[in-house]
C-alpha atoms as a PDB file:
ATOM      1  CA  MET A   1      71.484 105.935  93.875  1.00  0.00           C
ATOM      2  CA  THR A   2      73.711 108.624  95.309  1.00  0.00           C
ATOM      3  CA  SER A   3      77.149 109.448  94.010  1.00  0.00           C
ATOM      4  CA  GLU A   4      79.056 109.465  97.291  1.00  0.00           C
ATOM      5  CA  ASN A   5      82.802 109.618  97.493  1.00  0.00           C
ATOM      6  CA  PRO A   6      83.825 106.028  98.394  1.00  0.00           C
ATOM      7  CA  ILE A   7      86.666 107.267 100.628  1.00  0.00           C
ATOM      8  CA  ALA A   8      84.240 109.436 102.600  1.00  0.00           C
ATOM      9  CA  LEU A   9      82.257 106.407 103.767  1.00  0.00           C
ATOM     10  CA  PRO A  10      83.090 105.596 107.411  1.00  0.00           C
ATOM     11  CA  GLU A  11      83.983 101.953 106.798  1.00  0.00           C
ATOM     12  CA  ASN A  12      86.399 102.878 103.996  1.00  0.00           C
ATOM     13  CA  ARG A  13      88.072 105.581 106.093  1.00  0.00           C
ATOM     14  CA  LEU A  14      88.575 103.055 108.884  1.00  0.00           C
ATOM     15  CA  MET A  15      90.108 100.594 106.428  1.00  0.00           C
ATOM     16  CA  LEU A  16      92.489 103.253 105.072  1.00  0.00           C
ATOM     17  CA  PHE A  17      93.481 104.197 108.613  1.00  0.00           C
ATOM     18  CA  ALA A  18      94.130 100.554 109.509  1.00  0.00           C
ATOM     19  CA  GLU A  19      96.198 100.072 106.351  1.00  0.00           C
ATOM     20  CA  ALA A  20      98.314 103.157 107.085  1.00  0.00           C
ATOM     21  CA  PHE A  21      98.796 102.031 110.695  1.00  0.00           C
ATOM     22  CA  PHE A  22      99.798  98.550 109.513  1.00  0.00           C
ATOM     23  CA  PHE A  23     102.270  99.890 106.938  1.00  0.00           C
ATOM     24  CA  LYS A  24     104.005 102.226 109.391  1.00  0.00           C
ATOM     25  CA  ARG A  25     104.265  99.835 112.345  1.00  0.00           C
ATOM     26  CA  LEU A  26     105.163  96.496 110.775  1.00  0.00           C
ATOM     27  CA  LEU A  27     108.850  95.553 110.893  1.00  0.00           C
ATOM     28  CA  ASP A  28     108.770  93.516 107.677  1.00  0.00           C
ATOM     29  CA  LEU A  29     109.764  94.945 104.302  1.00  0.00           C
ATOM     30  CA  LEU A  30     106.528  95.996 102.588  1.00  0.00           C
ATOM     31  CA  SER A  31     105.783  97.762  99.351  1.00  0.00           C
ATOM     32  CA  VAL A  32     102.999  98.264  96.865  1.00  0.00           C
ATOM     33  CA  ILE A  33     104.186  98.238  93.267  1.00  0.00           C
ATOM     34  CA  SER A  34     102.177  99.276  90.217  1.00  0.00           C
ATOM     35  CA  LEU A  35     101.868  97.142  87.106  1.00  0.00           C
ATOM     36  CA  ASP A  36     104.397  99.493  85.490  1.00  0.00           C
ATOM     37  CA  GLY A  37     106.970  98.460  88.089  1.00  0.00           C
ATOM     38  CA  TYR A  38     106.974 101.697  90.090  1.00  0.00           C
ATOM     39  CA  PHE A  39     106.729 101.810  93.860  1.00  0.00           C
ATOM     40  CA  GLN A  40     103.386 103.212  94.929  1.00  0.00           C
ATOM     41  CA  ARG A  41     103.986 102.862  98.642  1.00  0.00           C
ATOM     42  CA  VAL A  42     106.805 101.594 100.855  1.00  0.00           C
ATOM     43  CA  ASN A  43     107.083 101.257 104.601  1.00  0.00           C
ATOM     44  CA  PRO A  44     109.863 103.027 106.547  1.00  0.00           C
ATOM     45  CA  VAL A  45     111.720  99.770 107.287  1.00  0.00           C
ATOM     46  CA  LEU A  46     112.218  99.143 103.571  1.00  0.00           C
ATOM     47  CA  LEU A  47     113.684 102.616 103.110  1.00  0.00           C
ATOM     48  CA  ILE A  48     116.076 102.085 106.020  1.00  0.00           C
ATOM     49  CA  GLU A  49     117.221  98.670 104.794  1.00  0.00           C
ATOM     50  CA  LEU A  50     117.779  99.865 101.231  1.00  0.00           C
ATOM     51  CA  SER A  51     119.285 103.181 102.405  1.00  0.00           C
ATOM     52  CA  TYR A  52     117.208 105.104  99.880  1.00  0.00           C
ATOM     53  CA  GLU A  53     115.263 108.317 100.159  1.00  0.00           C
ATOM     54  CA  PRO A  54     111.547 108.021  99.290  1.00  0.00           C
ATOM     55  CA  ILE A  55     111.981 110.362  96.323  1.00  0.00           C
ATOM     56  CA  LEU A  56     114.532 108.012  94.708  1.00  0.00           C
ATOM     57  CA  LEU A  57     112.149 105.078  94.667  1.00  0.00           C
END
């Protein structure tokens, strides 16, 4: 068994690309929040609607 980086696998890189594309282009309010309650990722529409800078979230 090899110890490959899971992100380096082609199918995982494609999935990450598709997720980033989806997050940036969708007009709905999207976010990923950790179990601690912190924003891990937000799309630009959410930032515009809330009028916050990414650093404040």
